[in-house]
Structures are given as C-alpha cells and as structure tokens.
Amino acid sequence: MKNLGYVFVTIGTAIFTAVCIYFSTVVISNRAQKTYTQIMFDISDPYTEDKVKQYLKDLRVKYPEVALAQMKLESANGTSSMFRENNNLFGMKLPKKRPTTALGEKNNHSFYSHWRQSVIDYAMWQAFVMDPENIDTEGDWIGYLDKMYSEDGSYGRKITTIRKTIKSEE
C-alpha cells in the first residue's frame, strides 16, 4: 500500500510539472505575439453591464453596487471615449505606488487590453486604499470616494444617486 501512495504522488507530481512546463513554454513563446491578458481572457468577450456586475462580485470587490455606479458614471455606461479607446471602465489613472494591470497610459489615464483588466485593476486599487478601520459601511466608502477619487466636489452625491437606481433594479 505504501508503494501505491508513492506511485500516485509521483504521477501527480509529474503531471503537475508537465503542465507547468507547458504553460510557461506557451507563455514565453507567445510573449512576442500576445500580451499576458490575451492569454488570460478571450479578447472577443464583449463588455456588458451584467458581466461587469458579476465580475465585481466574483472578485469580491467590497460594495460592488458602488463600483458599478462608478463604472456607469466614469464610462458613461460603457460608451465614453475613455472606455472605447482605453478599455478603462473606472477612469483609473496610472498608479505609481501599487501593482496594476494597466499596460500604460493613454490620454492621461490607464489603458488596458481588455475591459476585465480594468475591473481587476479597480479591485486591486480598492484593496490597496481601503482601510478597514475607517471604512465600515457603504456610506463610508462613498465618503472616501468623494474626497479621494475625483476632484469633483459632487462625486459622492452623483455616485449615491446612481447607486439608488441600481438598488431599485435589483
């Protein structure tokens, strides 16, 4: 019986190693032809609001309805030139102090190869800035956004108004 367990572990390790080698070979050989995000996502996966909503929940973004309200405001419901040219749903700027999925900066904002990268970047930004000791409620988060996310003094009010329409749709 001991030998049988050893055989399974050895076979499992060999399969895992083979998969890792294959994956790294594919990534390395395709690096010149494709970006990492094209390997991660089907780049033909079209944007829809429902997909964004689900992806925010899948990524466990805190207060996903507020994030959806921001997306609606910042991207004009996915119709703005910022979204069309940069795949940027949240008006994100290129960060200087945190990891990002942005490929660079275009039109003074982050640009992404796919809209899902924008959602991941938002989740990363939120995790980076959110102080759990100071943000206990959705209202606290909107208050933070009002002060820190935009220069517009009415940002929190706009987000709250949009958020109420999202709530009524649920």
N, C-alpha and C. Protein backbone atom coordinates (compact mmCIF):
# COMPACT_ATOMS: atom_id res chain seq x y z
N MET A 1 0.81 -1.19 0.00
CA MET A 1 0.00 0.00 0.00
C MET A 1 0.85 1.26 0.00
N LYS A 2 1.98 1.22 0.73
CA LYS A 2 2.86 2.39 0.75
C LYS A 2 3.36 2.70 -0.65
N ASN A 3 3.70 1.68 -1.40
CA ASN A 3 4.21 1.89 -2.76
C ASN A 3 3.15 2.49 -3.67
N LEU A 4 1.89 2.11 -3.47
CA LEU A 4 0.81 2.65 -4.28
C LEU A 4 0.66 4.16 -4.05
N GLY A 5 0.73 4.60 -2.80
CA GLY A 5 0.68 6.02 -2.49
C GLY A 5 1.84 6.76 -3.12
N TYR A 6 3.01 6.17 -3.07
CA TYR A 6 4.20 6.78 -3.66
C TYR A 6 4.03 6.93 -5.17
N VAL A 7 3.43 5.92 -5.79
CA VAL A 7 3.20 5.96 -7.24
C VAL A 7 2.25 7.11 -7.59
N PHE A 8 1.16 7.25 -6.82
CA PHE A 8 0.21 8.32 -7.09
C PHE A 8 0.85 9.70 -6.91
N VAL A 9 1.63 9.86 -5.87
CA VAL A 9 2.30 11.13 -5.63
C VAL A 9 3.28 11.43 -6.76
N THR A 10 4.02 10.43 -7.18
CA THR A 10 4.99 10.60 -8.26
C THR A 10 4.30 10.96 -9.57
N ILE A 11 3.22 10.26 -9.88
CA ILE A 11 2.47 10.55 -11.12
C ILE A 11 1.86 11.94 -11.04
N GLY A 12 1.28 12.29 -9.91
CA GLY A 12 0.69 13.62 -9.74
C GLY A 12 1.72 14.72 -9.89
N THR A 13 2.88 14.51 -9.29
CA THR A 13 3.97 15.49 -9.41
C THR A 13 4.43 15.62 -10.85
N ALA A 14 4.53 14.51 -11.54
CA ALA A 14 4.97 14.54 -12.94
C ALA A 14 3.96 15.28 -13.81
N ILE A 15 2.68 15.03 -13.58
CA ILE A 15 1.64 15.71 -14.36
C ILE A 15 1.66 17.21 -14.07
N PHE A 16 1.75 17.56 -12.80
CA PHE A 16 1.81 18.97 -12.42
C PHE A 16 3.02 19.65 -13.06
N THR A 17 4.15 19.02 -13.01
CA THR A 17 5.38 19.58 -13.61
C THR A 17 5.22 19.75 -15.11
N ALA A 18 4.64 18.75 -15.77
CA ALA A 18 4.45 18.84 -17.22
C ALA A 18 3.52 20.00 -17.58
N VAL A 19 2.45 20.17 -16.82
CA VAL A 19 1.51 21.27 -17.07
C VAL A 19 2.22 22.61 -16.88
N CYS A 20 3.01 22.73 -15.81
CA CYS A 20 3.74 23.97 -15.55
C CYS A 20 4.73 24.27 -16.67
N ILE A 21 5.44 23.27 -17.11
CA ILE A 21 6.41 23.47 -18.20
C ILE A 21 5.69 23.86 -19.47
N TYR A 22 4.60 23.17 -19.79
CA TYR A 22 3.84 23.51 -20.99
C TYR A 22 3.33 24.94 -20.93
N PHE A 23 2.72 25.31 -19.80
CA PHE A 23 2.17 26.65 -19.65
C PHE A 23 3.27 27.70 -19.80
N SER A 24 4.38 27.51 -19.11
CA SER A 24 5.45 28.51 -19.19
C SER A 24 6.03 28.57 -20.60
N THR A 25 6.10 27.46 -21.29
CA THR A 25 6.59 27.45 -22.67
C THR A 25 5.64 28.22 -23.58
N VAL A 26 4.34 28.00 -23.41
CA VAL A 26 3.34 28.70 -24.22
C VAL A 26 3.41 30.20 -23.94
N VAL A 27 3.48 30.58 -22.67
CA VAL A 27 3.55 31.99 -22.32
C VAL A 27 4.81 32.62 -22.89
N ILE A 28 5.94 31.96 -22.72
CA ILE A 28 7.20 32.52 -23.21
C ILE A 28 7.22 32.60 -24.73
N SER A 29 6.78 31.54 -25.40
CA SER A 29 6.84 31.55 -26.86
C SER A 29 5.83 32.52 -27.46
N ASN A 30 4.75 32.80 -26.76
CA ASN A 30 3.74 33.72 -27.29
C ASN A 30 3.93 35.14 -26.81
N ARG A 31 4.90 35.36 -25.94
CA ARG A 31 5.07 36.69 -25.36
C ARG A 31 5.25 37.76 -26.44
N ALA A 32 5.98 37.46 -27.49
CA ALA A 32 6.21 38.45 -28.55
C ALA A 32 4.94 38.66 -29.38
N GLN A 33 4.08 37.66 -29.43
CA GLN A 33 2.90 37.75 -30.27
C GLN A 33 1.65 38.18 -29.51
N LYS A 34 1.55 37.83 -28.25
CA LYS A 34 0.36 38.12 -27.47
C LYS A 34 0.74 38.73 -26.15
N THR A 35 -0.17 39.51 -25.60
CA THR A 35 0.06 40.02 -24.26
C THR A 35 -0.46 39.00 -23.26
N TYR A 36 -0.03 39.12 -22.04
CA TYR A 36 -0.47 38.22 -20.98
C TYR A 36 -1.99 38.23 -20.85
N THR A 37 -2.61 39.38 -20.99
CA THR A 37 -4.05 39.47 -20.83
C THR A 37 -4.78 38.74 -21.95
N GLN A 38 -4.20 38.66 -23.11
CA GLN A 38 -4.85 37.92 -24.18
C GLN A 38 -4.83 36.42 -23.88
N ILE A 39 -3.84 35.97 -23.15
CA ILE A 39 -3.79 34.57 -22.76
C ILE A 39 -4.82 34.32 -21.65
N MET A 40 -4.96 35.28 -20.73
CA MET A 40 -5.89 35.12 -19.62
C MET A 40 -7.34 35.20 -20.04
N PHE A 41 -7.67 36.05 -21.01
CA PHE A 41 -9.05 36.30 -21.38
C PHE A 41 -9.24 36.07 -22.87
N ASP A 42 -10.45 35.72 -23.20
CA ASP A 42 -10.85 35.71 -24.59
C ASP A 42 -11.11 37.16 -24.97
N ILE A 43 -10.24 37.73 -25.80
CA ILE A 43 -10.34 39.16 -26.08
C ILE A 43 -11.60 39.51 -26.88
N SER A 44 -12.29 38.51 -27.37
CA SER A 44 -13.54 38.79 -28.07
C SER A 44 -14.73 38.82 -27.10
N ASP A 45 -14.46 38.59 -25.79
CA ASP A 45 -15.51 38.63 -24.77
C ASP A 45 -16.03 40.06 -24.66
N PRO A 46 -17.23 40.34 -25.16
CA PRO A 46 -17.72 41.72 -25.19
C PRO A 46 -18.15 42.20 -23.82
N TYR A 47 -18.03 43.50 -23.63
CA TYR A 47 -18.49 44.16 -22.40
C TYR A 47 -20.01 44.16 -22.34
N THR A 48 -20.54 43.82 -21.20
CA THR A 48 -21.94 44.09 -20.87
C THR A 48 -21.97 44.50 -19.40
N GLU A 49 -22.94 45.28 -19.04
CA GLU A 49 -23.06 45.70 -17.65
C GLU A 49 -23.25 44.50 -16.72
N ASP A 50 -24.03 43.52 -17.17
CA ASP A 50 -24.25 42.34 -16.34
C ASP A 50 -22.94 41.57 -16.10
N LYS A 51 -22.08 41.51 -17.11
CA LYS A 51 -20.79 40.84 -16.93
C LYS A 51 -19.91 41.60 -15.94
N VAL A 52 -19.93 42.92 -16.01
CA VAL A 52 -19.16 43.72 -15.06
C VAL A 52 -19.68 43.48 -13.66
N LYS A 53 -20.99 43.52 -13.50
CA LYS A 53 -21.61 43.32 -12.20
C LYS A 53 -21.20 41.96 -11.61
N GLN A 54 -21.26 40.92 -12.42
CA GLN A 54 -20.89 39.59 -11.95
C GLN A 54 -19.40 39.51 -11.64
N TYR A 55 -18.57 40.13 -12.47
CA TYR A 55 -17.13 40.08 -12.27
C TYR A 55 -16.72 40.81 -11.00
N LEU A 56 -17.38 41.92 -10.69
CA LEU A 56 -17.13 42.62 -9.43
C LEU A 56 -17.42 41.70 -8.24
N LYS A 57 -18.50 40.96 -8.34
CA LYS A 57 -18.84 40.02 -7.27
C LYS A 57 -17.86 38.85 -7.23
N ASP A 58 -17.48 38.34 -8.39
CA ASP A 58 -16.51 37.24 -8.45
C ASP A 58 -15.17 37.63 -7.82
N LEU A 59 -14.77 38.87 -8.03
CA LEU A 59 -13.50 39.36 -7.49
C LEU A 59 -13.64 39.81 -6.03
N ARG A 60 -14.85 39.72 -5.51
CA ARG A 60 -15.15 40.10 -4.12
C ARG A 60 -14.81 41.56 -3.83
N VAL A 61 -15.12 42.39 -4.80
CA VAL A 61 -14.97 43.83 -4.60
C VAL A 61 -15.94 44.24 -3.50
N LYS A 62 -15.46 45.02 -2.57
CA LYS A 62 -16.32 45.48 -1.48
C LYS A 62 -17.26 46.56 -2.04
N TYR A 63 -18.51 46.49 -1.69
CA TYR A 63 -19.54 47.41 -2.16
C TYR A 63 -19.62 47.42 -3.70
N PRO A 64 -19.92 46.26 -4.30
CA PRO A 64 -19.92 46.16 -5.76
C PRO A 64 -20.93 47.07 -6.45
N GLU A 65 -22.04 47.38 -5.77
CA GLU A 65 -23.02 48.28 -6.39
C GLU A 65 -22.47 49.70 -6.49
N VAL A 66 -21.64 50.10 -5.53
CA VAL A 66 -21.00 51.41 -5.61
C VAL A 66 -20.00 51.41 -6.76
N ALA A 67 -19.25 50.32 -6.89
CA ALA A 67 -18.30 50.21 -8.00
C ALA A 67 -19.04 50.26 -9.33
N LEU A 68 -20.19 49.60 -9.40
CA LEU A 68 -20.98 49.64 -10.62
C LEU A 68 -21.47 51.06 -10.90
N ALA A 69 -21.86 51.77 -9.85
CA ALA A 69 -22.27 53.17 -10.03
C ALA A 69 -21.10 54.01 -10.55
N GLN A 70 -19.90 53.76 -10.01
CA GLN A 70 -18.72 54.47 -10.52
C GLN A 70 -18.49 54.14 -11.99
N MET A 71 -18.62 52.87 -12.33
CA MET A 71 -18.43 52.46 -13.72
C MET A 71 -19.43 53.18 -14.63
N LYS A 72 -20.68 53.25 -14.20
CA LYS A 72 -21.70 53.93 -15.01
C LYS A 72 -21.35 55.41 -15.19
N LEU A 73 -20.89 56.05 -14.12
CA LEU A 73 -20.54 57.46 -14.19
C LEU A 73 -19.28 57.68 -15.02
N GLU A 74 -18.24 56.96 -14.71
CA GLU A 74 -16.93 57.19 -15.33
C GLU A 74 -16.89 56.81 -16.81
N SER A 75 -17.64 55.78 -17.19
CA SER A 75 -17.58 55.32 -18.58
C SER A 75 -18.82 55.67 -19.38
N ALA A 76 -19.71 56.48 -18.78
CA ALA A 76 -20.99 56.81 -19.43
C ALA A 76 -21.69 55.52 -19.89
N ASN A 77 -21.82 54.61 -18.95
CA ASN A 77 -22.44 53.30 -19.21
C ASN A 77 -21.74 52.54 -20.34
N GLY A 78 -20.42 52.61 -20.36
CA GLY A 78 -19.65 51.87 -21.35
C GLY A 78 -19.65 52.48 -22.74
N THR A 79 -19.95 53.79 -22.84
CA THR A 79 -19.99 54.43 -24.15
C THR A 79 -18.95 55.53 -24.32
N SER A 80 -18.24 55.88 -23.25
CA SER A 80 -17.30 57.01 -23.32
C SER A 80 -16.09 56.68 -24.19
N SER A 81 -15.43 57.72 -24.67
CA SER A 81 -14.21 57.50 -25.45
C SER A 81 -13.12 56.89 -24.57
N MET A 82 -13.11 57.20 -23.28
CA MET A 82 -12.14 56.61 -22.36
C MET A 82 -12.30 55.09 -22.33
N PHE A 83 -13.54 54.65 -22.33
CA PHE A 83 -13.76 53.20 -22.35
C PHE A 83 -13.44 52.62 -23.73
N ARG A 84 -13.93 53.25 -24.77
CA ARG A 84 -13.71 52.72 -26.12
C ARG A 84 -12.23 52.69 -26.50
N GLU A 85 -11.47 53.70 -26.13
CA GLU A 85 -10.06 53.78 -26.52
C GLU A 85 -9.12 53.09 -25.53
N ASN A 86 -9.48 53.09 -24.25
CA ASN A 86 -8.57 52.58 -23.22
C ASN A 86 -9.08 51.33 -22.50
N ASN A 87 -10.29 50.87 -22.81
CA ASN A 87 -10.90 49.76 -22.07
C ASN A 87 -10.95 50.08 -20.57
N ASN A 88 -11.06 51.36 -20.24
CA ASN A 88 -11.00 51.84 -18.87
C ASN A 88 -12.41 52.18 -18.40
N LEU A 89 -12.98 51.30 -17.59
CA LEU A 89 -14.35 51.49 -17.12
C LEU A 89 -14.47 52.45 -15.95
N PHE A 90 -13.39 52.68 -15.21
CA PHE A 90 -13.48 53.42 -13.96
C PHE A 90 -12.72 54.74 -13.95
N GLY A 91 -12.22 55.18 -15.09
CA GLY A 91 -11.46 56.43 -15.14
C GLY A 91 -10.17 56.36 -14.34
N MET A 92 -9.59 55.16 -14.25
CA MET A 92 -8.39 54.96 -13.45
C MET A 92 -7.19 55.66 -14.09
N LYS A 93 -6.40 56.29 -13.22
CA LYS A 93 -5.12 56.87 -13.64
C LYS A 93 -4.04 55.81 -13.44
N LEU A 94 -2.92 55.97 -14.12
CA LEU A 94 -1.83 55.01 -13.98
C LEU A 94 -1.21 55.16 -12.59
N PRO A 95 -1.22 54.09 -11.79
CA PRO A 95 -0.70 54.19 -10.43
C PRO A 95 0.83 54.25 -10.39
N LYS A 96 1.33 54.88 -9.34
CA LYS A 96 2.77 54.99 -9.16
C LYS A 96 3.26 54.15 -7.99
N LYS A 97 2.34 53.76 -7.08
CA LYS A 97 2.77 53.09 -5.85
C LYS A 97 2.14 51.72 -5.62
N ARG A 98 1.42 51.20 -6.55
CA ARG A 98 0.78 49.90 -6.34
C ARG A 98 0.84 49.08 -7.62
N PRO A 99 0.68 47.78 -7.49
CA PRO A 99 0.62 46.95 -8.69
C PRO A 99 -0.59 47.33 -9.54
N THR A 100 -0.51 47.08 -10.83
CA THR A 100 -1.60 47.42 -11.73
C THR A 100 -1.66 46.43 -12.88
N THR A 101 -2.81 46.33 -13.49
CA THR A 101 -2.97 45.53 -14.71
C THR A 101 -2.91 46.41 -15.95
N ALA A 102 -2.75 47.72 -15.74
CA ALA A 102 -2.69 48.66 -16.87
C ALA A 102 -1.45 48.37 -17.71
N LEU A 103 -1.60 48.55 -19.01
CA LEU A 103 -0.48 48.37 -19.93
C LEU A 103 0.33 49.65 -20.08
N GLY A 104 -0.22 50.74 -19.61
CA GLY A 104 0.45 52.03 -19.72
C GLY A 104 -0.56 53.14 -19.60
N GLU A 105 -0.17 54.29 -20.12
CA GLU A 105 -1.02 55.47 -20.03
C GLU A 105 -1.32 56.00 -21.43
N LYS A 106 -2.59 56.31 -21.62
CA LYS A 106 -3.04 56.90 -22.88
C LYS A 106 -4.11 57.93 -22.52
N ASN A 107 -4.01 59.13 -23.08
CA ASN A 107 -4.97 60.19 -22.76
C ASN A 107 -5.02 60.48 -21.26
N ASN A 108 -3.86 60.43 -20.62
CA ASN A 108 -3.71 60.75 -19.19
C ASN A 108 -4.44 59.77 -18.27
N HIS A 109 -4.79 58.59 -18.76
CA HIS A 109 -5.46 57.56 -17.97
C HIS A 109 -4.85 56.20 -18.30
N SER A 110 -5.07 55.25 -17.42
CA SER A 110 -4.60 53.89 -17.66
C SER A 110 -5.31 53.31 -18.88
N PHE A 111 -4.57 52.45 -19.60
CA PHE A 111 -5.24 51.71 -20.67
C PHE A 111 -4.98 50.23 -20.47
N TYR A 112 -5.94 49.45 -20.94
CA TYR A 112 -5.96 48.00 -20.73
C TYR A 112 -6.24 47.32 -22.06
N SER A 113 -5.82 46.08 -22.16
CA SER A 113 -6.09 45.36 -23.39
C SER A 113 -7.50 44.79 -23.41
N HIS A 114 -8.16 44.73 -22.25
CA HIS A 114 -9.50 44.16 -22.16
C HIS A 114 -10.23 44.82 -21.00
N TRP A 115 -11.53 44.94 -21.10
CA TRP A 115 -12.30 45.58 -20.04
C TRP A 115 -12.17 44.85 -18.71
N ARG A 116 -11.99 43.53 -18.74
CA ARG A 116 -11.85 42.78 -17.48
C ARG A 116 -10.60 43.20 -16.71
N GLN A 117 -9.54 43.60 -17.43
CA GLN A 117 -8.33 44.08 -16.77
C GLN A 117 -8.62 45.35 -15.98
N SER A 118 -9.51 46.18 -16.50
CA SER A 118 -9.91 47.39 -15.80
C SER A 118 -10.61 47.05 -14.49
N VAL A 119 -11.46 46.04 -14.51
CA VAL A 119 -12.17 45.63 -13.30
C VAL A 119 -11.19 45.05 -12.28
N ILE A 120 -10.26 44.25 -12.73
CA ILE A 120 -9.23 43.71 -11.83
C ILE A 120 -8.42 44.85 -11.22
N ASP A 121 -8.06 45.83 -12.03
CA ASP A 121 -7.27 46.95 -11.53
C ASP A 121 -8.06 47.73 -10.48
N TYR A 122 -9.36 47.90 -10.69
CA TYR A 122 -10.19 48.57 -9.69
C TYR A 122 -10.16 47.78 -8.38
N ALA A 123 -10.30 46.46 -8.47
CA ALA A 123 -10.27 45.62 -7.27
C ALA A 123 -8.93 45.74 -6.56
N MET A 124 -7.85 45.77 -7.32
CA MET A 124 -6.52 45.93 -6.73
C MET A 124 -6.39 47.30 -6.06
N TRP A 125 -6.87 48.33 -6.73
CA TRP A 125 -6.83 49.68 -6.16
C TRP A 125 -7.63 49.74 -4.86
N GLN A 126 -8.83 49.16 -4.89
CA GLN A 126 -9.67 49.20 -3.71
C GLN A 126 -8.98 48.50 -2.54
N ALA A 127 -8.40 47.34 -2.78
CA ALA A 127 -7.70 46.61 -1.72
C ALA A 127 -6.50 47.41 -1.20
N PHE A 128 -5.88 48.16 -2.07
CA PHE A 128 -4.70 48.95 -1.69
C PHE A 128 -5.08 50.14 -0.82
N VAL A 129 -6.20 50.79 -1.11
CA VAL A 129 -6.54 52.04 -0.41
C VAL A 129 -7.50 51.86 0.76
N MET A 130 -8.25 50.77 0.76
CA MET A 130 -9.29 50.64 1.76
C MET A 130 -8.69 50.31 3.13
N ASP A 131 -8.98 51.17 4.09
CA ASP A 131 -8.55 50.97 5.47
C ASP A 131 -9.76 50.43 6.23
N PRO A 132 -9.72 49.15 6.58
CA PRO A 132 -10.90 48.55 7.21
C PRO A 132 -11.30 49.21 8.53
N GLU A 133 -10.38 49.89 9.17
CA GLU A 133 -10.72 50.54 10.43
C GLU A 133 -11.53 51.81 10.21
N ASN A 134 -11.43 52.41 9.04
CA ASN A 134 -12.12 53.67 8.77
C ASN A 134 -13.29 53.53 7.81
N ILE A 135 -13.41 52.41 7.13
CA ILE A 135 -14.47 52.23 6.16
C ILE A 135 -15.27 51.00 6.55
N ASP A 136 -16.37 51.25 7.25
CA ASP A 136 -17.19 50.15 7.77
C ASP A 136 -18.51 49.99 7.02
N THR A 137 -18.88 51.02 6.27
CA THR A 137 -20.18 50.98 5.59
C THR A 137 -20.03 51.48 4.16
N GLU A 138 -21.06 51.22 3.40
CA GLU A 138 -21.10 51.73 2.03
C GLU A 138 -21.01 53.26 2.03
N GLY A 139 -21.67 53.89 2.99
CA GLY A 139 -21.62 55.35 3.11
C GLY A 139 -20.21 55.86 3.38
N ASP A 140 -19.46 55.14 4.22
CA ASP A 140 -18.06 55.50 4.48
C ASP A 140 -17.25 55.43 3.19
N TRP A 141 -17.50 54.37 2.40
CA TRP A 141 -16.76 54.18 1.15
C TRP A 141 -17.10 55.31 0.16
N ILE A 142 -18.37 55.66 0.06
CA ILE A 142 -18.76 56.76 -0.84
C ILE A 142 -18.14 58.06 -0.35
N GLY A 143 -18.09 58.27 0.95
CA GLY A 143 -17.44 59.46 1.50
C GLY A 143 -15.96 59.52 1.15
N TYR A 144 -15.29 58.37 1.21
CA TYR A 144 -13.88 58.30 0.83
C TYR A 144 -13.73 58.65 -0.65
N LEU A 145 -14.58 58.06 -1.48
CA LEU A 145 -14.51 58.32 -2.92
C LEU A 145 -14.74 59.80 -3.21
N ASP A 146 -15.66 60.40 -2.48
CA ASP A 146 -15.96 61.82 -2.69
C ASP A 146 -14.72 62.68 -2.44
N LYS A 147 -13.93 62.31 -1.45
CA LYS A 147 -12.74 63.09 -1.11
C LYS A 147 -11.53 62.73 -1.96
N MET A 148 -11.38 61.44 -2.30
CA MET A 148 -10.11 60.98 -2.86
C MET A 148 -10.15 60.58 -4.33
N TYR A 149 -11.27 60.20 -4.85
CA TYR A 149 -11.30 59.61 -6.19
C TYR A 149 -11.40 60.65 -7.29
N SER A 150 -12.04 61.75 -6.99
CA SER A 150 -12.28 62.75 -8.02
C SER A 150 -12.12 64.14 -7.45
N GLU A 151 -11.77 65.06 -8.32
CA GLU A 151 -11.65 66.47 -7.92
C GLU A 151 -13.03 67.12 -7.81
N ASP A 152 -14.02 66.48 -8.36
CA ASP A 152 -15.38 67.00 -8.38
C ASP A 152 -15.98 66.94 -6.98
N GLY A 153 -16.39 68.06 -6.43
CA GLY A 153 -16.95 68.11 -5.09
C GLY A 153 -18.31 67.44 -4.95
N SER A 154 -18.92 67.05 -6.07
CA SER A 154 -20.24 66.42 -6.01
C SER A 154 -20.17 64.94 -6.39
N TYR A 155 -18.98 64.38 -6.39
CA TYR A 155 -18.80 62.99 -6.83
C TYR A 155 -19.62 62.02 -5.97
N GLY A 156 -19.53 62.16 -4.66
CA GLY A 156 -20.26 61.27 -3.77
C GLY A 156 -21.76 61.34 -3.99
N ARG A 157 -22.27 62.54 -4.21
CA ARG A 157 -23.70 62.73 -4.46
C ARG A 157 -24.10 62.04 -5.78
N LYS A 158 -23.26 62.19 -6.80
CA LYS A 158 -23.55 61.55 -8.09
C LYS A 158 -23.56 60.02 -7.95
N ILE A 159 -22.57 59.50 -7.24
CA ILE A 159 -22.48 58.05 -7.03
C ILE A 159 -23.69 57.55 -6.25
N THR A 160 -24.07 58.29 -5.21
CA THR A 160 -25.23 57.90 -4.40
C THR A 160 -26.50 57.88 -5.25
N THR A 161 -26.68 58.88 -6.09
CA THR A 161 -27.86 58.93 -6.96
C THR A 161 -27.89 57.74 -7.91
N ILE A 162 -26.76 57.45 -8.54
CA ILE A 162 -26.70 56.30 -9.45
C ILE A 162 -26.89 55.00 -8.68
N ARG A 163 -26.29 54.92 -7.51
CA ARG A 163 -26.40 53.72 -6.68
C ARG A 163 -27.85 53.42 -6.34
N LYS A 164 -28.64 54.45 -6.08
CA LYS A 164 -30.06 54.25 -5.77
C LYS A 164 -30.80 53.63 -6.94
N THR A 165 -30.43 54.00 -8.17
CA THR A 165 -31.10 53.40 -9.33
C THR A 165 -30.70 51.94 -9.48
N ILE A 166 -29.47 51.62 -9.10
CA ILE A 166 -29.03 50.22 -9.17
C ILE A 166 -29.80 49.41 -8.14
N LYS A 167 -29.96 49.95 -6.96
CA LYS A 167 -30.67 49.26 -5.90
C LYS A 167 -32.11 48.97 -6.32
N SER A 168 -32.74 49.91 -7.01
CA SER A 168 -34.13 49.71 -7.41
C SER A 168 -34.26 48.68 -8.53
N GLU A 169 -33.17 48.41 -9.25
CA GLU A 169 -33.20 47.41 -10.32
C GLU A 169 -33.04 46.00 -9.77
N GLU A 170 -32.49 45.85 -8.56
CA GLU A 170 -32.20 44.51 -8.03
C GLU A 170 -33.43 43.80 -7.54
